[in-house]
């Protein structure tokens, strides 16, 4: 399993161009403000990929084990 590698500014611009957007604001412009603006979520500080792997990397579910993929998906 590979680690997530953030895209460069050039890659981001190429992706936006491919879908017909000039910038991220334009991409998300159709989302209503009341959906985008969520205050007071009281979320804990973020963790690094290494911290997450240390906490959740060895969890198992019966005969299945949890595989965390930091590219945006989970698999069992």
C-alpha atoms as a PDB file:
ATOM      1  CA  UNK A   1       0.000   0.000   0.000  1.00  0.00           C
ATOM      2  CA  UNK A   2       1.430   3.352  -0.985  1.00  0.00           C
ATOM      3  CA  UNK A   3       1.245   6.551   1.003  1.00  0.00           C
ATOM      4  CA  UNK A   4      -0.743   9.584  -0.086  1.00  0.00           C
ATOM      5  CA  UNK A   5       1.340  12.144  -1.968  1.00  0.00           C
ATOM      6  CA  UNK A   6      -0.140  15.631  -2.149  1.00  0.00           C
ATOM      7  CA  UNK A   7      -0.603  17.074  -5.610  1.00  0.00           C
ATOM      8  CA  UNK A   8       1.464  20.018  -6.762  1.00  0.00           C
ATOM      9  CA  UNK A   9      -0.063  23.379  -7.726  1.00  0.00           C
ATOM     10  CA  UNK A  10       0.494  22.467 -11.382  1.00  0.00           C
ATOM     11  CA  UNK A  11      -1.328  19.137 -10.938  1.00  0.00           C
ATOM     12  CA  UNK A  12      -4.176  20.907  -9.149  1.00  0.00           C
ATOM     13  CA  UNK A  13      -4.508  23.390 -12.024  1.00  0.00           C
ATOM     14  CA  UNK A  14      -4.493  20.542 -14.560  1.00  0.00           C
ATOM     15  CA  UNK A  15      -7.222  18.708 -12.617  1.00  0.00           C
ATOM     16  CA  UNK A  16      -9.336  21.861 -12.363  1.00  0.00           C
ATOM     17  CA  UNK A  17      -8.891  22.570 -16.081  1.00  0.00           C
ATOM     18  CA  UNK A  18      -9.934  19.004 -16.922  1.00  0.00           C
ATOM     19  CA  UNK A  19     -13.268  19.447 -15.120  1.00  0.00           C
ATOM     20  CA  UNK A  20     -13.801  22.954 -16.477  1.00  0.00           C
ATOM     21  CA  UNK A  21     -13.052  25.029 -13.357  1.00  0.00           C
ATOM     22  CA  UNK A  22     -10.611  27.905 -12.991  1.00  0.00           C
ATOM     23  CA  UNK A  23     -10.073  27.536  -9.226  1.00  0.00           C
ATOM     24  CA  UNK A  24     -11.264  25.716  -6.124  1.00  0.00           C
ATOM     25  CA  UNK A  25     -13.713  28.495  -5.228  1.00  0.00           C
ATOM     26  CA  UNK A  26     -15.455  27.930  -8.558  1.00  0.00           C
ATOM     27  CA  UNK A  27     -15.412  24.163  -7.983  1.00  0.00           C
ATOM     28  CA  UNK A  28     -17.232  24.503  -4.660  1.00  0.00           C
ATOM     29  CA  UNK A  29     -19.420  27.482  -5.601  1.00  0.00           C
ATOM     30  CA  UNK A  30     -22.557  25.343  -6.029  1.00  0.00           C
ATOM     31  CA  UNK A  31     -22.442  24.175  -2.399  1.00  0.00           C
ATOM     32  CA  UNK A  32     -24.814  26.316  -0.292  1.00  0.00           C
ATOM     33  CA  UNK A  33     -23.115  28.488   2.359  1.00  0.00           C
ATOM     34  CA  UNK A  34     -25.191  26.904   5.127  1.00  0.00           C
ATOM     35  CA  UNK A  35     -23.649  23.543   4.192  1.00  0.00           C
ATOM     36  CA  UNK A  36     -20.080  24.835   3.859  1.00  0.00           C
ATOM     37  CA  UNK A  37     -20.069  26.907   7.040  1.00  0.00           C
ATOM     38  CA  UNK A  38     -20.180  24.656  10.074  1.00  0.00           C
ATOM     39  CA  UNK A  39     -19.097  26.275  13.338  1.00  0.00           C
ATOM     40  CA  UNK A  40     -18.271  24.838  16.737  1.00  0.00           C
ATOM     41  CA  UNK A  41     -17.594  21.247  15.704  1.00  0.00           C
ATOM     42  CA  UNK A  42     -15.304  20.825  18.711  1.00  0.00           C
ATOM     43  CA  UNK A  43     -13.006  18.458  16.805  1.00  0.00           C
ATOM     44  CA  UNK A  44      -9.708  17.219  18.242  1.00  0.00           C
ATOM     45  CA  UNK A  45      -6.397  18.257  16.690  1.00  0.00           C
ATOM     46  CA  UNK A  46      -5.454  16.387  13.536  1.00  0.00           C
ATOM     47  CA  UNK A  47      -3.015  13.478  13.595  1.00  0.00           C
ATOM     48  CA  UNK A  48      -0.241  12.463  11.266  1.00  0.00           C
ATOM     49  CA  UNK A  49      -0.473   9.345   9.107  1.00  0.00           C
ATOM     50  CA  UNK A  50       2.060   7.648  11.416  1.00  0.00           C
ATOM     51  CA  UNK A  51      -0.062   8.406  14.512  1.00  0.00           C
ATOM     52  CA  UNK A  52      -3.169   6.987  12.824  1.00  0.00           C
ATOM     53  CA  UNK A  53      -1.310   3.853  11.777  1.00  0.00           C
ATOM     54  CA  UNK A  54      -0.062   3.370  15.345  1.00  0.00           C
ATOM     55  CA  UNK A  55      -3.578   3.679  16.750  1.00  0.00           C
ATOM     56  CA  UNK A  56      -5.660   1.894  14.112  1.00  0.00           C
ATOM     57  CA  UNK A  57      -3.155  -0.096  12.058  1.00  0.00           C
ATOM     58  CA  UNK A  58      -3.582  -3.378  13.959  1.00  0.00           C
ATOM     59  CA  UNK A  59      -7.348  -3.435  14.431  1.00  0.00           C
ATOM     60  CA  UNK A  60      -9.050  -6.592  13.252  1.00  0.00           C
ATOM     61  CA  UNK A  61     -12.683  -7.444  12.660  1.00  0.00           C
ATOM     62  CA  UNK A  62     -13.073 -11.190  13.189  1.00  0.00           C
ATOM     63  CA  UNK A  63     -11.577 -12.908  10.199  1.00  0.00           C
ATOM     64  CA  UNK A  64     -11.146  -9.536   8.471  1.00  0.00           C
ATOM     65  CA  UNK A  65      -8.469  -6.987   9.200  1.00  0.00           C
ATOM     66  CA  UNK A  66      -8.715  -3.279   8.615  1.00  0.00           C
ATOM     67  CA  UNK A  67      -6.455  -1.784   5.992  1.00  0.00           C
ATOM     68  CA  UNK A  68      -6.220   1.994   6.043  1.00  0.00           C
ATOM     69  CA  UNK A  69      -5.428   3.573   2.687  1.00  0.00           C
ATOM     70  CA  UNK A  70      -4.546   7.257   3.002  1.00  0.00           C
ATOM     71  CA  UNK A  71      -5.434   7.925  -0.616  1.00  0.00           C
ATOM     72  CA  UNK A  72      -9.065   8.196   0.455  1.00  0.00           C
ATOM     73  CA  UNK A  73     -10.426   4.683   0.801  1.00  0.00           C
ATOM     74  CA  UNK A  74     -10.760   1.831   3.293  1.00  0.00           C
ATOM     75  CA  UNK A  75     -10.603  -1.850   2.577  1.00  0.00           C
ATOM     76  CA  UNK A  76     -11.360  -4.991   4.518  1.00  0.00           C
END
